[in-house]
Amino acid sequence: MTRSAKPQKSPRSSKSRRAAPDGTTKLQIILNLLSRDSGAALDDLCKATGWQSHSVRGAMAGTLKRKGHIITSQKNDGVRMYHLTGSN
């Protein structure tokens, strides 16, 4: 009885983990968009980071909250807008 070899997984692209050429991380991009006077819609945050909506919401509710940032949301004309209102 012979075992077939498992197919090799292709190496994960490091592109998704790299910062922008200017050194800006995706979390910094989110913070920059949230700190605008108008705030940011979820679609704007997804387009800017290349992340799916659940990943953006997770970053706001988890990582950024643990770092002490206070993010609020408000629905205007059917679009939820997120704002950075402060930090601890």
PDB file of N, CA and C in Angstrom:
ATOM      1  N   MET A   1       0.840  -1.180   0.000  1.00  0.00           N
ATOM      2  CA  MET A   1       0.000   0.000   0.000  1.00  0.00           C
ATOM      3  C   MET A   1       0.888   1.247   0.000  1.00  0.00           C
ATOM      4  N   THR A   2       0.710   2.052  -0.986  1.00  0.00           N
ATOM      5  CA  THR A   2       1.512   3.268  -1.079  1.00  0.00           C
ATOM      6  C   THR A   2       0.642   4.476  -0.818  1.00  0.00           C
ATOM      7  N   ARG A   3       1.256   5.430  -0.238  1.00  0.00           N
ATOM      8  CA  ARG A   3       0.539   6.687   0.024  1.00  0.00           C
ATOM      9  C   ARG A   3       0.879   7.665  -1.072  1.00  0.00           C
ATOM     10  N   SER A   4      -0.118   8.354  -1.491  1.00  0.00           N
ATOM     11  CA  SER A   4       0.165   9.396  -2.475  1.00  0.00           C
ATOM     12  C   SER A   4       0.667  10.636  -1.749  1.00  0.00           C
ATOM     13  N   ALA A   5       1.584  11.274  -2.360  1.00  0.00           N
ATOM     14  CA  ALA A   5       2.163  12.475  -1.751  1.00  0.00           C
ATOM     15  C   ALA A   5       1.137  13.592  -1.757  1.00  0.00           C
ATOM     16  N   LYS A   6       1.137  14.343  -0.681  1.00  0.00           N
ATOM     17  CA  LYS A   6       0.233  15.493  -0.621  1.00  0.00           C
ATOM     18  C   LYS A   6       0.719  16.556  -1.580  1.00  0.00           C
ATOM     19  N   PRO A   7      -0.208  17.194  -2.269  1.00  0.00           N
ATOM     20  CA  PRO A   7       0.231  18.275  -3.160  1.00  0.00           C
ATOM     21  C   PRO A   7       0.822  19.418  -2.347  1.00  0.00           C
ATOM     22  N   GLN A   8       1.861  19.984  -2.872  1.00  0.00           N
ATOM     23  CA  GLN A   8       2.510  21.095  -2.188  1.00  0.00           C
ATOM     24  C   GLN A   8       1.634  22.332  -2.276  1.00  0.00           C
ATOM     25  N   LYS A   9       1.519  23.014  -1.161  1.00  0.00           N
ATOM     26  CA  LYS A   9       0.785  24.282  -1.153  1.00  0.00           C
ATOM     27  C   LYS A   9       1.679  25.355  -1.721  1.00  0.00           C
ATOM     28  N   SER A  10       1.074  26.224  -2.481  1.00  0.00           N
ATOM     29  CA  SER A  10       1.871  27.327  -3.000  1.00  0.00           C
ATOM     30  C   SER A  10       2.158  28.296  -1.862  1.00  0.00           C
ATOM     31  N   PRO A  11       3.333  28.886  -1.852  1.00  0.00           N
ATOM     32  CA  PRO A  11       3.653  29.816  -0.762  1.00  0.00           C
ATOM     33  C   PRO A  11       2.696  30.995  -0.773  1.00  0.00           C
ATOM     34  N   ARG A  12       2.315  31.393   0.403  1.00  0.00           N
ATOM     35  CA  ARG A  12       1.387  32.513   0.533  1.00  0.00           C
ATOM     36  C   ARG A  12       2.065  33.797   0.099  1.00  0.00           C
ATOM     37  N   SER A  13       1.356  34.556  -0.663  1.00  0.00           N
ATOM     38  CA  SER A  13       1.903  35.819  -1.133  1.00  0.00           C
ATOM     39  C   SER A  13       2.106  36.765   0.039  1.00  0.00           C
ATOM     40  N   SER A  14       3.244  37.382   0.100  1.00  0.00           N
ATOM     41  CA  SER A  14       3.498  38.341   1.171  1.00  0.00           C
ATOM     42  C   SER A  14       2.925  39.706   0.828  1.00  0.00           C
ATOM     43  N   LYS A  15       2.350  39.810  -0.351  1.00  0.00           N
ATOM     44  CA  LYS A  15       1.785  41.088  -0.791  1.00  0.00           C
ATOM     45  C   LYS A  15       0.697  41.569   0.167  1.00  0.00           C
ATOM     46  N   SER A  16      -0.145  40.635   0.659  1.00  0.00           N
ATOM     47  CA  SER A  16      -1.249  41.035   1.522  1.00  0.00           C
ATOM     48  C   SER A  16      -0.768  41.516   2.892  1.00  0.00           C
ATOM     49  N   ARG A  17       0.456  41.176   3.281  1.00  0.00           N
ATOM     50  CA  ARG A  17       0.959  41.547   4.598  1.00  0.00           C
ATOM     51  C   ARG A  17       1.910  42.733   4.564  1.00  0.00           C
ATOM     52  N   ARG A  18       2.234  43.211   3.389  1.00  0.00           N
ATOM     53  CA  ARG A  18       3.190  44.306   3.279  1.00  0.00           C
ATOM     54  C   ARG A  18       2.510  45.651   3.461  1.00  0.00           C
ATOM     55  N   ALA A  19       3.250  46.581   3.973  1.00  0.00           N
ATOM     56  CA  ALA A  19       2.763  47.952   4.079  1.00  0.00           C
ATOM     57  C   ALA A  19       2.892  48.611   2.708  1.00  0.00           C
ATOM     58  N   ALA A  20       2.223  49.708   2.550  1.00  0.00           N
ATOM     59  CA  ALA A  20       2.323  50.474   1.311  1.00  0.00           C
ATOM     60  C   ALA A  20       3.760  50.965   1.137  1.00  0.00           C
ATOM     61  N   PRO A  21       4.138  51.352  -0.077  1.00  0.00           N
ATOM     62  CA  PRO A  21       5.511  51.813  -0.301  1.00  0.00           C
ATOM     63  C   PRO A  21       5.946  52.937   0.632  1.00  0.00           C
ATOM     64  N   ASP A  22       5.005  53.752   1.063  1.00  0.00           N
ATOM     65  CA  ASP A  22       5.374  54.845   1.970  1.00  0.00           C
ATOM     66  C   ASP A  22       5.388  54.408   3.441  1.00  0.00           C
ATOM     67  N   GLY A  23       5.170  53.117   3.709  1.00  0.00           N
ATOM     68  CA  GLY A  23       5.215  52.600   5.069  1.00  0.00           C
ATOM     69  C   GLY A  23       3.880  52.611   5.786  1.00  0.00           C
ATOM     70  N   THR A  24       2.830  53.043   5.125  1.00  0.00           N
ATOM     71  CA  THR A  24       1.505  53.115   5.733  1.00  0.00           C
ATOM     72  C   THR A  24       0.899  51.716   5.801  1.00  0.00           C
ATOM     73  N   THR A  25       0.442  51.318   6.983  1.00  0.00           N
ATOM     74  CA  THR A  25      -0.221  50.026   7.125  1.00  0.00           C
ATOM     75  C   THR A  25      -1.710  50.181   6.842  1.00  0.00           C
ATOM     76  N   LYS A  26      -2.390  49.060   6.670  1.00  0.00           N
ATOM     77  CA  LYS A  26      -3.820  49.110   6.394  1.00  0.00           C
ATOM     78  C   LYS A  26      -4.596  49.651   7.589  1.00  0.00           C
ATOM     79  N   LEU A  27      -4.127  49.371   8.802  1.00  0.00           N
ATOM     80  CA  LEU A  27      -4.788  49.939   9.974  1.00  0.00           C
ATOM     81  C   LEU A  27      -4.622  51.457  10.006  1.00  0.00           C
ATOM     82  N   GLN A  28      -3.471  51.951   9.586  1.00  0.00           N
ATOM     83  CA  GLN A  28      -3.268  53.405   9.513  1.00  0.00           C
ATOM     84  C   GLN A  28      -4.171  54.011   8.438  1.00  0.00           C
ATOM     85  N   ILE A  29      -4.353  53.308   7.337  1.00  0.00           N
ATOM     86  CA  ILE A  29      -5.253  53.788   6.281  1.00  0.00           C
ATOM     87  C   ILE A  29      -6.665  53.904   6.831  1.00  0.00           C
ATOM     88  N   ILE A  30      -7.106  52.884   7.583  1.00  0.00           N
ATOM     89  CA  ILE A  30      -8.441  52.928   8.183  1.00  0.00           C
ATOM     90  C   ILE A  30      -8.554  54.102   9.137  1.00  0.00           C
ATOM     91  N   LEU A  31      -7.565  54.291   9.993  1.00  0.00           N
ATOM     92  CA  LEU A  31      -7.601  55.412  10.941  1.00  0.00           C
ATOM     93  C   LEU A  31      -7.639  56.754  10.227  1.00  0.00           C
ATOM     94  N   ASN A  32      -6.869  56.895   9.147  1.00  0.00           N
ATOM     95  CA  ASN A  32      -6.869  58.154   8.387  1.00  0.00           C
ATOM     96  C   ASN A  32      -8.244  58.437   7.801  1.00  0.00           C
ATOM     97  N   LEU A  33      -8.890  57.413   7.253  1.00  0.00           N
ATOM     98  CA  LEU A  33     -10.221  57.615   6.675  1.00  0.00           C
ATOM     99  C   LEU A  33     -11.260  57.908   7.752  1.00  0.00           C
ATOM    100  N   LEU A  34     -11.156  57.238   8.888  1.00  0.00           N
ATOM    101  CA  LEU A  34     -12.118  57.462   9.977  1.00  0.00           C
ATOM    102  C   LEU A  34     -11.964  58.828  10.614  1.00  0.00           C
ATOM    103  N   SER A  35     -10.779  59.407  10.550  1.00  0.00           N
ATOM    104  CA  SER A  35     -10.558  60.694  11.202  1.00  0.00           C
ATOM    105  C   SER A  35     -10.963  61.883  10.333  1.00  0.00           C
ATOM    106  N   ARG A  36     -11.370  61.626   9.106  1.00  0.00           N
ATOM    107  CA  ARG A  36     -11.876  62.724   8.267  1.00  0.00           C
ATOM    108  C   ARG A  36     -13.152  63.289   8.897  1.00  0.00           C
ATOM    109  N   ASP A  37     -13.461  64.547   8.605  1.00  0.00           N
ATOM    110  CA  ASP A  37     -14.678  65.161   9.148  1.00  0.00           C
ATOM    111  C   ASP A  37     -15.921  64.384   8.748  1.00  0.00           C
ATOM    112  N   SER A  38     -15.938  63.889   7.517  1.00  0.00           N
ATOM    113  CA  SER A  38     -17.103  63.161   7.024  1.00  0.00           C
ATOM    114  C   SER A  38     -17.093  61.699   7.458  1.00  0.00           C
ATOM    115  N   GLY A  39     -15.983  61.223   8.025  1.00  0.00           N
ATOM    116  CA  GLY A  39     -15.874  59.825   8.403  1.00  0.00           C
ATOM    117  C   GLY A  39     -15.678  58.965   7.164  1.00  0.00           C
ATOM    118  N   ALA A  40     -16.066  57.711   7.241  1.00  0.00           N
ATOM    119  CA  ALA A  40     -15.899  56.804   6.106  1.00  0.00           C
ATOM    120  C   ALA A  40     -16.996  55.755   6.117  1.00  0.00           C
ATOM    121  N   ALA A  41     -17.470  55.427   4.930  1.00  0.00           N
ATOM    122  CA  ALA A  41     -18.436  54.344   4.770  1.00  0.00           C
ATOM    123  C   ALA A  41     -17.664  53.030   4.682  1.00  0.00           C
ATOM    124  N   LEU A  42     -18.332  51.945   4.967  1.00  0.00           N
ATOM    125  CA  LEU A  42     -17.693  50.637   4.928  1.00  0.00           C
ATOM    126  C   LEU A  42     -17.113  50.344   3.541  1.00  0.00           C
ATOM    127  N   ASP A  43     -17.826  50.722   2.501  1.00  0.00           N
ATOM    128  CA  ASP A  43     -17.324  50.507   1.136  1.00  0.00           C
ATOM    129  C   ASP A  43     -16.007  51.244   0.899  1.00  0.00           C
ATOM    130  N   ASP A  44     -15.902  52.470   1.410  1.00  0.00           N
ATOM    131  CA  ASP A  44     -14.660  53.236   1.266  1.00  0.00           C
ATOM    132  C   ASP A  44     -13.497  52.525   1.956  1.00  0.00           C
ATOM    133  N   LEU A  45     -13.760  52.000   3.146  1.00  0.00           N
ATOM    134  CA  LEU A  45     -12.722  51.315   3.907  1.00  0.00           C
ATOM    135  C   LEU A  45     -12.301  50.017   3.214  1.00  0.00           C
ATOM    136  N   CYS A  46     -13.269  49.304   2.647  1.00  0.00           N
ATOM    137  CA  CYS A  46     -12.964  48.060   1.937  1.00  0.00           C
ATOM    138  C   CYS A  46     -12.125  48.326   0.687  1.00  0.00           C
ATOM    139  N   LYS A  47     -12.489  49.356  -0.055  1.00  0.00           N
ATOM    140  CA  LYS A  47     -11.737  49.682  -1.271  1.00  0.00           C
ATOM    141  C   LYS A  47     -10.317  50.138  -0.953  1.00  0.00           C
ATOM    142  N   ALA A  48     -10.171  50.899   0.113  1.00  0.00           N
ATOM    143  CA  ALA A  48      -8.856  51.433   0.466  1.00  0.00           C
ATOM    144  C   ALA A  48      -7.904  50.342   0.963  1.00  0.00           C
ATOM    145  N   THR A  49      -8.438  49.326   1.639  1.00  0.00           N
ATOM    146  CA  THR A  49      -7.588  48.286   2.207  1.00  0.00           C
ATOM    147  C   THR A  49      -7.521  47.031   1.348  1.00  0.00           C
ATOM    148  N   GLY A  50      -8.529  46.817   0.518  1.00  0.00           N
ATOM    149  CA  GLY A  50      -8.600  45.578  -0.245  1.00  0.00           C
ATOM    150  C   GLY A  50      -9.168  44.434   0.584  1.00  0.00           C
ATOM    151  N   TRP A  51      -9.706  44.755   1.750  1.00  0.00           N
ATOM    152  CA  TRP A  51     -10.269  43.745   2.642  1.00  0.00           C
ATOM    153  C   TRP A  51     -11.756  43.586   2.386  1.00  0.00           C
ATOM    154  N   GLN A  52     -12.306  42.459   2.827  1.00  0.00           N
ATOM    155  CA  GLN A  52     -13.748  42.250   2.789  1.00  0.00           C
ATOM    156  C   GLN A  52     -14.364  42.970   3.983  1.00  0.00           C
ATOM    157  N   SER A  53     -15.674  43.195   3.899  1.00  0.00           N
ATOM    158  CA  SER A  53     -16.347  44.005   4.916  1.00  0.00           C
ATOM    159  C   SER A  53     -16.213  43.414   6.319  1.00  0.00           C
ATOM    160  N   HIS A  54     -16.298  42.088   6.457  1.00  0.00           N
ATOM    161  CA  HIS A  54     -16.195  41.503   7.796  1.00  0.00           C
ATOM    162  C   HIS A  54     -14.797  41.704   8.385  1.00  0.00           C
ATOM    163  N   SER A  55     -13.789  41.798   7.543  1.00  0.00           N
ATOM    164  CA  SER A  55     -12.432  42.032   8.032  1.00  0.00           C
ATOM    165  C   SER A  55     -12.260  43.468   8.513  1.00  0.00           C
ATOM    166  N   VAL A  56     -12.849  44.404   7.790  1.00  0.00           N
ATOM    167  CA  VAL A  56     -12.776  45.817   8.191  1.00  0.00           C
ATOM    168  C   VAL A  56     -13.518  46.018   9.508  1.00  0.00           C
ATOM    169  N   ARG A  57     -14.721  45.459   9.608  1.00  0.00           N
ATOM    170  CA  ARG A  57     -15.482  45.600  10.861  1.00  0.00           C
ATOM    171  C   ARG A  57     -14.745  44.936  12.024  1.00  0.00           C
ATOM    172  N   GLY A  58     -14.119  43.802  11.765  1.00  0.00           N
ATOM    173  CA  GLY A  58     -13.348  43.118  12.803  1.00  0.00           C
ATOM    174  C   GLY A  58     -12.160  43.935  13.267  1.00  0.00           C
ATOM    175  N   ALA A  59     -11.495  44.595  12.325  1.00  0.00           N
ATOM    176  CA  ALA A  59     -10.351  45.440  12.682  1.00  0.00           C
ATOM    177  C   ALA A  59     -10.804  46.616  13.539  1.00  0.00           C
ATOM    178  N   MET A  60     -11.954  47.195  13.192  1.00  0.00           N
ATOM    179  CA  MET A  60     -12.448  48.330  13.977  1.00  0.00           C
ATOM    180  C   MET A  60     -12.903  47.881  15.358  1.00  0.00           C
ATOM    181  N   ALA A  61     -13.648  46.781  15.427  1.00  0.00           N
ATOM    182  CA  ALA A  61     -14.210  46.324  16.697  1.00  0.00           C
ATOM    183  C   ALA A  61     -13.171  45.622  17.561  1.00  0.00           C
ATOM    184  N   GLY A  62     -12.140  45.091  16.970  1.00  0.00           N
ATOM    185  CA  GLY A  62     -11.143  44.346  17.729  1.00  0.00           C
ATOM    186  C   GLY A  62      -9.848  45.098  17.889  1.00  0.00           C
ATOM    187  N   THR A  63      -9.047  45.093  16.861  1.00  0.00           N
ATOM    188  CA  THR A  63      -7.689  45.646  16.940  1.00  0.00           C
ATOM    189  C   THR A  63      -7.670  47.115  17.337  1.00  0.00           C
ATOM    190  N   LEU A  64      -8.437  47.935  16.645  1.00  0.00           N
ATOM    191  CA  LEU A  64      -8.401  49.373  16.931  1.00  0.00           C
ATOM    192  C   LEU A  64      -9.004  49.687  18.297  1.00  0.00           C
ATOM    193  N   LYS A  65     -10.047  48.946  18.669  1.00  0.00           N
ATOM    194  CA  LYS A  65     -10.651  49.148  19.992  1.00  0.00           C
ATOM    195  C   LYS A  65      -9.656  48.779  21.094  1.00  0.00           C
ATOM    196  N   ARG A  66      -8.934  47.670  20.918  1.00  0.00           N
ATOM    197  CA  ARG A  66      -7.935  47.263  21.915  1.00  0.00           C
ATOM    198  C   ARG A  66      -6.798  48.268  22.020  1.00  0.00           C
ATOM    199  N   LYS A  67      -6.530  48.985  20.928  1.00  0.00           N
ATOM    200  CA  LYS A  67      -5.481  50.006  20.954  1.00  0.00           C
ATOM    201  C   LYS A  67      -5.978  51.308  21.575  1.00  0.00           C
ATOM    202  N   GLY A  68      -7.257  51.348  21.973  1.00  0.00           N
ATOM    203  CA  GLY A  68      -7.790  52.504  22.680  1.00  0.00           C
ATOM    204  C   GLY A  68      -8.553  53.496  21.828  1.00  0.00           C
ATOM    205  N   HIS A  69      -8.779  53.190  20.571  1.00  0.00           N
ATOM    206  CA  HIS A  69      -9.522  54.102  19.696  1.00  0.00           C
ATOM    207  C   HIS A  69     -11.020  53.934  19.920  1.00  0.00           C
ATOM    208  N   ILE A  70     -11.724  55.037  19.867  1.00  0.00           N
ATOM    209  CA  ILE A  70     -13.179  55.024  20.025  1.00  0.00           C
ATOM    210  C   ILE A  70     -13.793  55.338  18.662  1.00  0.00           C
ATOM    211  N   ILE A  71     -14.538  54.373  18.135  1.00  0.00           N
ATOM    212  CA  ILE A  71     -15.141  54.505  16.811  1.00  0.00           C
ATOM    213  C   ILE A  71     -16.652  54.445  16.972  1.00  0.00           C
ATOM    214  N   THR A  72     -17.321  55.443  16.421  1.00  0.00           N
ATOM    215  CA  THR A  72     -18.779  55.472  16.463  1.00  0.00           C
ATOM    216  C   THR A  72     -19.310  55.350  15.044  1.00  0.00           C
ATOM    217  N   SER A  73     -20.586  54.979  14.951  1.00  0.00           N
ATOM    218  CA  SER A  73     -21.203  54.893  13.635  1.00  0.00           C
ATOM    219  C   SER A  73     -22.574  55.546  13.675  1.00  0.00           C
ATOM    220  N   GLN A  74     -22.970  56.005  12.521  1.00  0.00           N
ATOM    221  CA  GLN A  74     -24.232  56.719  12.393  1.00  0.00           C
ATOM    222  C   GLN A  74     -24.759  56.453  10.992  1.00  0.00           C
ATOM    223  N   LYS A  75     -26.062  56.228  10.879  1.00  0.00           N
ATOM    224  CA  LYS A  75     -26.638  55.951   9.573  1.00  0.00           C
ATOM    225  C   LYS A  75     -27.221  57.243   8.993  1.00  0.00           C
ATOM    226  N   ASN A  76     -26.712  57.631   7.831  1.00  0.00           N
ATOM    227  CA  ASN A  76     -27.183  58.828   7.135  1.00  0.00           C
ATOM    228  C   ASN A  76     -27.666  58.432   5.750  1.00  0.00           C
ATOM    229  N   ASP A  77     -28.923  58.698   5.441  1.00  0.00           N
ATOM    230  CA  ASP A  77     -29.499  58.392   4.131  1.00  0.00           C
ATOM    231  C   ASP A  77     -29.269  56.933   3.744  1.00  0.00           C
ATOM    232  N   GLY A  78     -29.394  56.033   4.713  1.00  0.00           N
ATOM    233  CA  GLY A  78     -29.253  54.608   4.444  1.00  0.00           C
ATOM    234  C   GLY A  78     -27.820  54.097   4.381  1.00  0.00           C
ATOM    235  N   VAL A  79     -26.833  54.978   4.589  1.00  0.00           N
ATOM    236  CA  VAL A  79     -25.424  54.575   4.553  1.00  0.00           C
ATOM    237  C   VAL A  79     -24.826  54.760   5.937  1.00  0.00           C
ATOM    238  N   ARG A  80     -24.265  53.705   6.476  1.00  0.00           N
ATOM    239  CA  ARG A  80     -23.628  53.794   7.787  1.00  0.00           C
ATOM    240  C   ARG A  80     -22.250  54.412   7.636  1.00  0.00           C
ATOM    241  N   MET A  81     -22.019  55.483   8.393  1.00  0.00           N
ATOM    242  CA  MET A  81     -20.744  56.192   8.371  1.00  0.00           C
ATOM    243  C   MET A  81     -20.045  55.964   9.701  1.00  0.00           C
ATOM    244  N   TYR A  82     -18.774  55.636   9.633  1.00  0.00           N
ATOM    245  CA  TYR A  82     -17.959  55.401  10.819  1.00  0.00           C
ATOM    246  C   TYR A  82     -17.036  56.584  11.048  1.00  0.00           C
ATOM    247  N   HIS A  83     -16.869  56.955  12.328  1.00  0.00           N
ATOM    248  CA  HIS A  83     -16.058  58.108  12.700  1.00  0.00           C
ATOM    249  C   HIS A  83     -15.128  57.751  13.850  1.00  0.00           C
ATOM    250  N   LEU A  84     -13.940  58.275  13.815  1.00  0.00           N
ATOM    251  CA  LEU A  84     -13.018  58.150  14.939  1.00  0.00           C
ATOM    252  C   LEU A  84     -13.321  59.322  15.861  1.00  0.00           C
ATOM    253  N   THR A  85     -13.832  59.028  17.055  1.00  0.00           N
ATOM    254  CA  THR A  85     -14.256  60.111  17.949  1.00  0.00           C
ATOM    255  C   THR A  85     -13.257  60.368  19.058  1.00  0.00           C
ATOM    256  N   GLY A  86     -12.275  59.526  19.207  1.00  0.00           N
ATOM    257  CA  GLY A  86     -11.273  59.761  20.234  1.00  0.00           C
ATOM    258  C   GLY A  86     -10.459  58.523  20.490  1.00  0.00           C
ATOM    259  N   SER A  87      -9.584  58.638  21.441  1.00  0.00           N
ATOM    260  CA  SER A  87      -8.790  57.472  21.859  1.00  0.00           C
ATOM    261  C   SER A  87      -8.457  57.608  23.332  1.00  0.00           C
ATOM    262  N   ASN A  88      -8.280  56.476  23.955  1.00  0.00           N
ATOM    263  CA  ASN A  88      -7.983  56.449  25.392  1.00  0.00           C
ATOM    264  C   ASN A  88      -6.506  56.553  25.633  1.00  0.00           C
TER     265      ASN A  88
END
